[in-house]
Amino acid sequence: TRRSSYLRALLPVLRQAVNIYHGEFLHDQPVTEWNHLLRVRFFNEYSDMSIKLGHILLRMHRYDELIERMWQLLDHDHTNTEARQLLLLAYQHHPTAPRIPPLRPALRHTPLTP
């Protein structure tokens, strides 16, 4: 249908936008330049886009990705109730999915060297 083709087209754009956010630290600016309002705005945009992406993933039955994305959002904001609701819905549809959060993103890509 027209709505599902729109969602399929929107999916990669939202994925890319969500993937840009790596936390509240602005890596390309010195500490003195870290404007609190800018960090809050970036986080709010990340959170909003993650929730929109989550709803699309739920409609498209992509539960594994939905679970991973919501755990990532909860890693940044453990109080986000909408992310928890989406996570519960994903687990209802995919009961065999792991029930523990994945490793934090910072640890996921860190090589294990002594």
N, C-alpha and C. Protein backbone atom coordinates (compact mmCIF):
# COMPACT_ATOMS: atom_id res chain seq x y z
N THR A 1 0.83 -1.18 0.00
CA THR A 1 0.00 0.00 0.00
C THR A 1 0.88 1.25 0.00
N ARG A 2 0.24 2.37 -0.14
CA ARG A 2 0.94 3.64 -0.20
C ARG A 2 1.65 3.96 1.12
N ARG A 3 0.97 3.68 2.24
CA ARG A 3 1.54 3.95 3.56
C ARG A 3 2.77 3.08 3.83
N SER A 4 2.72 1.81 3.47
CA SER A 4 3.86 0.92 3.72
C SER A 4 5.05 1.28 2.84
N SER A 5 4.82 1.75 1.62
CA SER A 5 5.95 2.17 0.78
C SER A 5 6.57 3.44 1.33
N TYR A 6 5.75 4.32 1.91
CA TYR A 6 6.28 5.53 2.56
C TYR A 6 7.15 5.14 3.76
N LEU A 7 6.68 4.19 4.55
CA LEU A 7 7.45 3.75 5.72
C LEU A 7 8.76 3.08 5.31
N ARG A 8 8.71 2.28 4.25
CA ARG A 8 9.95 1.64 3.76
C ARG A 8 10.95 2.68 3.28
N ALA A 9 10.47 3.75 2.68
CA ALA A 9 11.37 4.82 2.22
C ALA A 9 11.92 5.63 3.39
N LEU A 10 11.13 5.79 4.42
CA LEU A 10 11.54 6.56 5.59
C LEU A 10 12.52 5.80 6.48
N LEU A 11 12.45 4.49 6.46
CA LEU A 11 13.26 3.65 7.34
C LEU A 11 14.76 3.91 7.25
N PRO A 12 15.39 3.92 6.07
CA PRO A 12 16.84 4.16 6.03
C PRO A 12 17.24 5.56 6.48
N VAL A 13 16.37 6.53 6.23
CA VAL A 13 16.66 7.91 6.64
C VAL A 13 16.67 8.01 8.16
N LEU A 14 15.66 7.43 8.80
CA LEU A 14 15.61 7.45 10.26
C LEU A 14 16.76 6.65 10.87
N ARG A 15 17.09 5.51 10.28
CA ARG A 15 18.23 4.72 10.78
C ARG A 15 19.50 5.55 10.75
N GLN A 16 19.74 6.22 9.64
CA GLN A 16 20.94 7.04 9.51
C GLN A 16 20.94 8.17 10.54
N ALA A 17 19.83 8.83 10.72
CA ALA A 17 19.74 9.94 11.68
C ALA A 17 19.98 9.45 13.10
N VAL A 18 19.41 8.32 13.46
CA VAL A 18 19.59 7.78 14.81
C VAL A 18 21.03 7.32 15.02
N ASN A 19 21.64 6.76 13.99
CA ASN A 19 23.01 6.26 14.12
C ASN A 19 24.04 7.36 14.33
N ILE A 20 23.69 8.58 13.99
CA ILE A 20 24.63 9.70 14.16
C ILE A 20 24.89 10.01 15.63
N TYR A 21 23.89 9.81 16.46
CA TYR A 21 24.00 10.19 17.88
C TYR A 21 24.84 9.18 18.64
N HIS A 22 25.85 9.68 19.37
CA HIS A 22 26.72 8.81 20.16
C HIS A 22 26.83 9.26 21.61
N GLY A 23 25.87 9.97 22.10
CA GLY A 23 25.89 10.42 23.49
C GLY A 23 25.95 11.92 23.57
N GLU A 24 25.98 12.40 24.79
CA GLU A 24 25.88 13.85 24.99
C GLU A 24 27.19 14.60 24.80
N PHE A 25 28.30 13.92 24.64
CA PHE A 25 29.57 14.60 24.47
C PHE A 25 29.77 14.99 23.01
N LEU A 26 30.17 16.22 22.78
CA LEU A 26 30.38 16.73 21.43
C LEU A 26 31.87 16.54 21.10
N HIS A 27 32.18 15.45 20.45
CA HIS A 27 33.56 15.06 20.22
C HIS A 27 34.37 16.05 19.40
N ASP A 28 33.73 16.81 18.57
CA ASP A 28 34.46 17.72 17.69
C ASP A 28 34.63 19.11 18.28
N GLN A 29 34.27 19.30 19.56
CA GLN A 29 34.40 20.62 20.19
C GLN A 29 35.11 20.49 21.53
N PRO A 30 35.89 21.50 21.93
CA PRO A 30 36.53 21.46 23.25
C PRO A 30 35.48 21.49 24.36
N VAL A 31 35.87 20.99 25.53
CA VAL A 31 34.93 20.90 26.66
C VAL A 31 34.27 22.24 26.96
N THR A 32 35.00 23.31 26.85
CA THR A 32 34.43 24.63 27.16
C THR A 32 33.34 25.03 26.19
N GLU A 33 33.27 24.38 25.04
CA GLU A 33 32.28 24.71 24.01
C GLU A 33 31.01 23.84 24.11
N TRP A 34 30.98 22.92 25.05
CA TRP A 34 29.83 22.03 25.15
C TRP A 34 28.64 22.77 25.72
N ASN A 35 27.84 23.28 24.88
CA ASN A 35 26.65 24.03 25.26
C ASN A 35 25.59 23.05 25.74
N HIS A 36 25.13 23.25 26.98
CA HIS A 36 24.15 22.33 27.56
C HIS A 36 22.85 22.29 26.75
N LEU A 37 22.38 23.43 26.32
CA LEU A 37 21.12 23.47 25.56
C LEU A 37 21.25 22.73 24.23
N LEU A 38 22.42 22.83 23.61
CA LEU A 38 22.65 22.12 22.36
C LEU A 38 22.67 20.61 22.59
N ARG A 39 23.31 20.17 23.66
CA ARG A 39 23.35 18.74 23.98
C ARG A 39 21.94 18.22 24.27
N VAL A 40 21.15 19.00 24.99
CA VAL A 40 19.77 18.59 25.29
C VAL A 40 18.95 18.52 24.00
N ARG A 41 19.12 19.49 23.14
CA ARG A 41 18.38 19.48 21.86
C ARG A 41 18.76 18.26 21.02
N PHE A 42 20.07 17.96 20.93
CA PHE A 42 20.51 16.78 20.17
C PHE A 42 19.92 15.51 20.76
N PHE A 43 19.93 15.40 22.10
CA PHE A 43 19.37 14.20 22.71
C PHE A 43 17.88 14.08 22.45
N ASN A 44 17.15 15.18 22.58
CA ASN A 44 15.70 15.14 22.34
C ASN A 44 15.38 14.74 20.91
N GLU A 45 16.17 15.24 19.96
CA GLU A 45 15.97 14.85 18.56
C GLU A 45 16.27 13.37 18.37
N TYR A 46 17.36 12.90 18.98
CA TYR A 46 17.70 11.48 18.90
C TYR A 46 16.57 10.62 19.49
N SER A 47 16.08 11.03 20.64
CA SER A 47 15.01 10.29 21.31
C SER A 47 13.74 10.25 20.45
N ASP A 48 13.34 11.39 19.92
CA ASP A 48 12.15 11.45 19.07
C ASP A 48 12.29 10.57 17.82
N MET A 49 13.45 10.67 17.17
CA MET A 49 13.66 9.86 15.97
C MET A 49 13.72 8.38 16.30
N SER A 50 14.30 8.02 17.44
CA SER A 50 14.36 6.62 17.84
C SER A 50 12.97 6.05 18.07
N ILE A 51 12.10 6.83 18.69
CA ILE A 51 10.73 6.37 18.93
C ILE A 51 9.98 6.24 17.61
N LYS A 52 10.14 7.21 16.70
CA LYS A 52 9.50 7.10 15.38
C LYS A 52 10.00 5.86 14.65
N LEU A 53 11.31 5.65 14.70
CA LEU A 53 11.89 4.46 14.07
C LEU A 53 11.32 3.20 14.72
N GLY A 54 11.19 3.21 16.03
CA GLY A 54 10.63 2.05 16.73
C GLY A 54 9.21 1.72 16.29
N HIS A 55 8.38 2.73 16.13
CA HIS A 55 7.01 2.49 15.67
C HIS A 55 7.00 1.91 14.25
N ILE A 56 7.87 2.40 13.40
CA ILE A 56 7.94 1.87 12.03
C ILE A 56 8.42 0.43 12.06
N LEU A 57 9.45 0.14 12.85
CA LEU A 57 9.95 -1.24 12.95
C LEU A 57 8.88 -2.18 13.48
N LEU A 58 8.08 -1.71 14.42
CA LEU A 58 7.00 -2.53 14.95
C LEU A 58 5.97 -2.84 13.85
N ARG A 59 5.58 -1.82 13.10
CA ARG A 59 4.62 -2.03 12.00
C ARG A 59 5.15 -2.96 10.94
N MET A 60 6.47 -2.95 10.74
CA MET A 60 7.08 -3.78 9.70
C MET A 60 7.54 -5.14 10.23
N HIS A 61 7.22 -5.44 11.49
CA HIS A 61 7.55 -6.72 12.12
C HIS A 61 9.05 -6.98 12.18
N ARG A 62 9.83 -5.96 12.38
CA ARG A 62 11.29 -6.11 12.50
C ARG A 62 11.65 -6.02 13.99
N TYR A 63 11.30 -7.08 14.70
CA TYR A 63 11.37 -7.07 16.15
C TYR A 63 12.80 -7.10 16.69
N ASP A 64 13.69 -7.82 16.03
CA ASP A 64 15.07 -7.87 16.51
C ASP A 64 15.70 -6.48 16.51
N GLU A 65 15.55 -5.76 15.41
CA GLU A 65 16.11 -4.42 15.34
C GLU A 65 15.40 -3.48 16.32
N LEU A 66 14.09 -3.63 16.43
CA LEU A 66 13.33 -2.81 17.37
C LEU A 66 13.85 -3.00 18.80
N ILE A 67 14.07 -4.24 19.18
CA ILE A 67 14.57 -4.53 20.53
C ILE A 67 15.93 -3.89 20.74
N GLU A 68 16.82 -4.05 19.78
CA GLU A 68 18.16 -3.46 19.90
C GLU A 68 18.09 -1.93 19.97
N ARG A 69 17.29 -1.31 19.13
CA ARG A 69 17.19 0.16 19.11
C ARG A 69 16.60 0.70 20.42
N MET A 70 15.61 0.02 20.95
CA MET A 70 15.01 0.51 22.20
C MET A 70 15.96 0.33 23.37
N TRP A 71 16.74 -0.76 23.38
CA TRP A 71 17.75 -0.90 24.43
C TRP A 71 18.80 0.19 24.31
N GLN A 72 19.17 0.57 23.09
CA GLN A 72 20.13 1.66 22.91
C GLN A 72 19.57 2.97 23.45
N LEU A 73 18.31 3.24 23.17
CA LEU A 73 17.70 4.46 23.68
C LEU A 73 17.63 4.43 25.21
N LEU A 74 17.25 3.29 25.76
CA LEU A 74 17.18 3.17 27.22
C LEU A 74 18.56 3.26 27.85
N ASP A 75 19.59 2.93 27.12
CA ASP A 75 20.95 3.09 27.61
C ASP A 75 21.26 4.57 27.84
N HIS A 76 20.71 5.43 27.00
CA HIS A 76 20.90 6.88 27.14
C HIS A 76 19.89 7.49 28.11
N ASP A 77 18.70 6.92 28.17
CA ASP A 77 17.64 7.47 29.03
C ASP A 77 16.78 6.33 29.55
N HIS A 78 17.12 5.84 30.74
CA HIS A 78 16.42 4.68 31.29
C HIS A 78 15.00 4.99 31.74
N THR A 79 14.60 6.26 31.69
CA THR A 79 13.25 6.64 32.11
C THR A 79 12.27 6.77 30.95
N ASN A 80 12.69 6.49 29.74
CA ASN A 80 11.84 6.67 28.57
C ASN A 80 10.75 5.59 28.54
N THR A 81 9.55 5.96 28.92
CA THR A 81 8.46 4.99 29.02
C THR A 81 7.98 4.50 27.65
N GLU A 82 8.04 5.35 26.66
CA GLU A 82 7.59 4.92 25.33
C GLU A 82 8.54 3.86 24.75
N ALA A 83 9.84 4.00 25.01
CA ALA A 83 10.80 2.99 24.57
C ALA A 83 10.53 1.67 25.30
N ARG A 84 10.19 1.74 26.58
CA ARG A 84 9.87 0.51 27.33
C ARG A 84 8.60 -0.14 26.80
N GLN A 85 7.61 0.66 26.44
CA GLN A 85 6.38 0.11 25.88
C GLN A 85 6.64 -0.59 24.54
N LEU A 86 7.43 0.05 23.68
CA LEU A 86 7.78 -0.57 22.40
C LEU A 86 8.58 -1.86 22.61
N LEU A 87 9.45 -1.84 23.59
CA LEU A 87 10.24 -3.02 23.90
C LEU A 87 9.34 -4.17 24.35
N LEU A 88 8.37 -3.88 25.19
CA LEU A 88 7.43 -4.91 25.64
C LEU A 88 6.59 -5.45 24.49
N LEU A 89 6.15 -4.57 23.61
CA LEU A 89 5.40 -5.03 22.43
C LEU A 89 6.24 -5.93 21.54
N ALA A 90 7.50 -5.56 21.36
CA ALA A 90 8.39 -6.39 20.54
C ALA A 90 8.58 -7.76 21.17
N TYR A 91 8.74 -7.80 22.49
CA TYR A 91 8.90 -9.09 23.17
C TYR A 91 7.63 -9.93 23.09
N GLN A 92 6.46 -9.30 23.06
CA GLN A 92 5.21 -10.05 22.90
C GLN A 92 5.15 -10.74 21.55
N HIS A 93 5.64 -10.05 20.52
CA HIS A 93 5.62 -10.61 19.16
C HIS A 93 6.80 -11.53 18.88
N HIS A 94 7.85 -11.39 19.66
CA HIS A 94 9.06 -12.19 19.44
C HIS A 94 9.51 -12.77 20.79
N PRO A 95 8.77 -13.76 21.29
CA PRO A 95 9.01 -14.27 22.63
C PRO A 95 10.36 -14.96 22.82
N THR A 96 11.03 -15.35 21.75
CA THR A 96 12.31 -16.03 21.89
C THR A 96 13.50 -15.06 21.90
N ALA A 97 13.24 -13.78 21.79
CA ALA A 97 14.32 -12.78 21.80
C ALA A 97 14.96 -12.73 23.19
N PRO A 98 16.26 -12.47 23.24
CA PRO A 98 16.93 -12.35 24.55
C PRO A 98 16.32 -11.25 25.39
N ARG A 99 16.16 -11.50 26.67
CA ARG A 99 15.50 -10.55 27.56
C ARG A 99 16.49 -9.68 28.33
N ILE A 100 17.74 -9.71 27.97
CA ILE A 100 18.72 -8.87 28.66
C ILE A 100 19.21 -7.80 27.70
N PRO A 101 19.58 -6.64 28.22
CA PRO A 101 20.05 -5.58 27.33
C PRO A 101 21.39 -5.96 26.71
N PRO A 102 21.63 -5.53 25.48
CA PRO A 102 22.94 -5.77 24.86
C PRO A 102 24.00 -4.94 25.56
N LEU A 103 25.26 -5.26 25.25
CA LEU A 103 26.36 -4.47 25.81
C LEU A 103 26.20 -3.01 25.41
N ARG A 104 26.66 -2.13 26.27
CA ARG A 104 26.62 -0.71 25.95
C ARG A 104 27.39 -0.46 24.65
N PRO A 105 26.93 0.50 23.83
CA PRO A 105 27.59 0.75 22.54
C PRO A 105 29.09 1.01 22.67
N ALA A 106 29.51 1.71 23.69
CA ALA A 106 30.93 2.01 23.86
C ALA A 106 31.72 0.73 24.08
N LEU A 107 31.14 -0.25 24.73
CA LEU A 107 31.84 -1.50 24.99
C LEU A 107 31.74 -2.46 23.82
N ARG A 108 30.69 -2.34 23.04
CA ARG A 108 30.45 -3.26 21.94
C ARG A 108 31.55 -3.21 20.90
N HIS A 109 32.14 -2.02 20.69
CA HIS A 109 33.13 -1.86 19.63
C HIS A 109 34.55 -1.72 20.18
N THR A 110 34.73 -1.94 21.46
CA THR A 110 36.05 -1.83 22.05
C THR A 110 36.77 -3.16 21.94
N PRO A 111 37.98 -3.17 21.35
CA PRO A 111 38.71 -4.44 21.25
C PRO A 111 39.13 -4.92 22.63
N LEU A 112 39.11 -6.21 22.82
CA LEU A 112 39.48 -6.79 24.10
C LEU A 112 40.97 -7.08 24.13
N THR A 113 41.77 -6.11 24.43
CA THR A 113 43.22 -6.30 24.54
C THR A 113 43.64 -6.10 25.98
N PRO A 114 44.61 -6.89 26.45
CA PRO A 114 45.07 -6.77 27.84
C PRO A 114 45.84 -5.50 28.09
